[in-house]
């Protein structure tokens, strides 16, 4: 039996649920699906991407501390560039511009107010993607 894995849902360490949710909504285009300030946890989504935002009180039992890096794998260089432009216009905290790297990724990085990073990329070097396969 071969199990089909679902998409991973990262738990992003944040200092304040409301502040973090507002940034993810306003600057990164996510939707706030639900939030429980008492619990210290919120669920956000954008398309098929789901994330949890979690406060220090919620995370302390697991010793899950930030910042963390989350990778977002897109299907084309154009999609990466389009998202970069969208986030640039929304005044997201961009760390780097899109660039095709020698290791076969077209990528850029964005940061949230708590220092968590998102590495947005397209893998153009993996053989099944065809282009620039090694």
Protein backbone atom coordinates (compact mmCIF):
# COMPACT_ATOMS: atom_id res chain seq x y z
CA UNK A 1 0.00 0.00 0.00
CA UNK A 2 1.36 3.40 -1.00
CA UNK A 3 0.23 6.30 1.14
CA UNK A 4 -0.41 9.64 -0.52
CA UNK A 5 0.96 12.33 1.77
CA UNK A 6 -1.04 15.51 2.25
CA UNK A 7 0.61 18.93 2.16
CA UNK A 8 2.46 19.77 5.37
CA UNK A 9 0.94 22.44 7.61
CA UNK A 10 3.72 24.34 9.41
CA UNK A 11 3.28 25.88 12.84
CA UNK A 12 4.79 29.36 12.64
CA UNK A 13 6.02 30.84 15.95
CA UNK A 14 4.63 34.37 16.44
CA UNK A 15 4.65 36.74 19.40
CA UNK A 16 1.07 38.04 18.93
CA UNK A 17 -1.74 36.28 17.04
CA UNK A 18 -3.60 39.46 16.02
CA UNK A 19 -0.49 41.30 14.82
CA UNK A 20 0.81 38.29 12.89
CA UNK A 21 -2.59 37.47 11.36
CA UNK A 22 -2.97 41.08 10.20
CA UNK A 23 0.44 40.97 8.45
CA UNK A 24 -0.27 37.63 6.78
CA UNK A 25 -3.66 38.92 5.60
CA UNK A 26 -2.71 42.45 4.52
CA UNK A 27 0.82 41.90 3.21
CA UNK A 28 0.91 38.25 2.13
CA UNK A 29 -2.71 37.74 1.03
CA UNK A 30 -3.64 34.94 3.42
CA UNK A 31 -7.15 34.46 4.82
CA UNK A 32 -7.72 34.17 8.56
CA UNK A 33 -9.74 30.96 8.84
CA UNK A 34 -10.05 30.97 12.63
CA UNK A 35 -8.30 32.35 15.68
CA UNK A 36 -8.32 31.57 19.41
CA UNK A 37 -6.38 34.20 21.36
CA UNK A 38 -6.84 32.25 24.63
CA UNK A 39 -5.40 29.10 23.10
CA UNK A 40 -2.71 31.10 21.29
CA UNK A 41 -3.35 29.51 17.91
CA UNK A 42 -4.78 30.64 14.58
CA UNK A 43 -5.30 28.97 11.22
CA UNK A 44 -4.64 30.86 8.00
CA UNK A 45 -4.73 29.80 4.35
CA UNK A 46 -4.13 30.91 0.80
CA UNK A 47 -5.23 28.48 -1.88
CA UNK A 48 -3.90 25.04 -0.92
CA UNK A 49 -1.36 26.49 1.52
CA UNK A 50 -2.39 26.20 5.18
CA UNK A 51 -0.42 27.49 8.17
CA UNK A 52 -0.88 27.70 11.92
CA UNK A 53 0.27 30.80 13.82
CA UNK A 54 1.22 29.90 17.40
CA UNK A 55 2.16 32.06 20.39
CA UNK A 56 4.91 31.29 22.94
CA UNK A 57 2.34 30.04 25.48
CA UNK A 58 0.95 27.55 22.97
CA UNK A 59 4.42 26.38 21.88
CA UNK A 60 6.11 26.07 25.29
CA UNK A 61 5.11 22.42 25.84
CA UNK A 62 6.96 21.46 22.64
CA UNK A 63 9.85 23.92 22.97
CA UNK A 64 9.06 25.04 19.41
CA UNK A 65 10.90 28.33 19.04
CA UNK A 66 11.45 30.55 16.06
CA UNK A 67 12.26 31.92 13.76
CA UNK A 68 11.61 29.18 11.21
CA UNK A 69 12.09 28.86 7.46
CA UNK A 70 9.18 27.60 5.34
CA UNK A 71 9.72 26.73 1.67
CA UNK A 72 6.94 27.43 -0.86
CA UNK A 73 7.40 25.44 -4.09
CA UNK A 74 5.80 27.03 -7.16
CA UNK A 75 5.38 25.53 -10.62
CA UNK A 76 7.20 28.17 -12.69
CA UNK A 77 9.64 31.06 -12.61
CA UNK A 78 6.81 33.33 -13.74
CA UNK A 79 4.70 32.37 -10.70
CA UNK A 80 7.62 33.17 -8.38
CA UNK A 81 8.16 36.53 -10.07
CA UNK A 82 4.44 37.33 -10.00
CA UNK A 83 4.19 36.62 -6.27
CA UNK A 84 7.28 38.73 -5.61
CA UNK A 85 5.70 41.69 -7.42
CA UNK A 86 2.44 41.25 -5.54
CA UNK A 87 4.21 41.14 -2.18
CA UNK A 88 6.43 44.10 -3.15
CA UNK A 89 3.32 46.19 -3.87
CA UNK A 90 1.77 45.18 -0.53
CA UNK A 91 4.93 46.29 1.29
CA UNK A 92 5.80 42.83 2.59
CA UNK A 93 9.23 42.58 4.23
CA UNK A 94 11.21 41.29 1.23
CA UNK A 95 14.67 39.97 2.04
CA UNK A 96 15.84 39.23 -1.51
CA UNK A 97 14.72 39.63 -5.13
CA UNK A 98 13.90 36.68 -7.40
CA UNK A 99 17.05 35.19 -8.87
CA UNK A 100 17.95 31.97 -10.67
CA UNK A 101 20.64 30.34 -8.54
CA UNK A 102 23.44 28.03 -9.74
CA UNK A 103 21.95 25.19 -7.69
CA UNK A 104 18.84 25.17 -9.88
CA UNK A 105 16.30 27.20 -7.93
CA UNK A 106 14.67 30.46 -9.00
CA UNK A 107 13.92 32.00 -5.60
CA UNK A 108 13.37 34.93 -3.28
CA UNK A 109 12.85 35.31 0.46
CA UNK A 110 10.28 37.24 2.51
CA UNK A 111 10.11 37.78 6.29
CA UNK A 112 7.26 38.18 8.76
CA UNK A 113 7.32 40.58 11.77
CA UNK A 114 8.67 37.80 14.05
CA UNK A 115 11.63 37.01 11.78
CA UNK A 116 10.15 33.86 10.24
CA UNK A 117 11.21 33.40 6.64
CA UNK A 118 9.49 32.09 3.52
CA UNK A 119 11.73 30.90 0.73
CA UNK A 120 9.61 31.06 -2.43
CA UNK A 121 11.09 28.97 -5.23
CA UNK A 122 10.76 27.13 -8.50
CA UNK A 123 13.04 24.11 -9.00
CA UNK A 124 14.22 24.27 -12.62
CA UNK A 125 17.08 21.78 -12.26
CA UNK A 126 15.35 18.60 -11.12
CA UNK A 127 15.33 16.18 -14.08
CA UNK A 128 11.55 15.69 -14.18
CA UNK A 129 11.16 19.44 -14.66
CA UNK A 130 13.22 19.22 -17.86
CA UNK A 131 14.73 22.70 -18.06
CA UNK A 132 18.43 22.85 -17.14
CA UNK A 133 18.43 19.27 -15.87
CA UNK A 134 21.85 18.04 -14.73
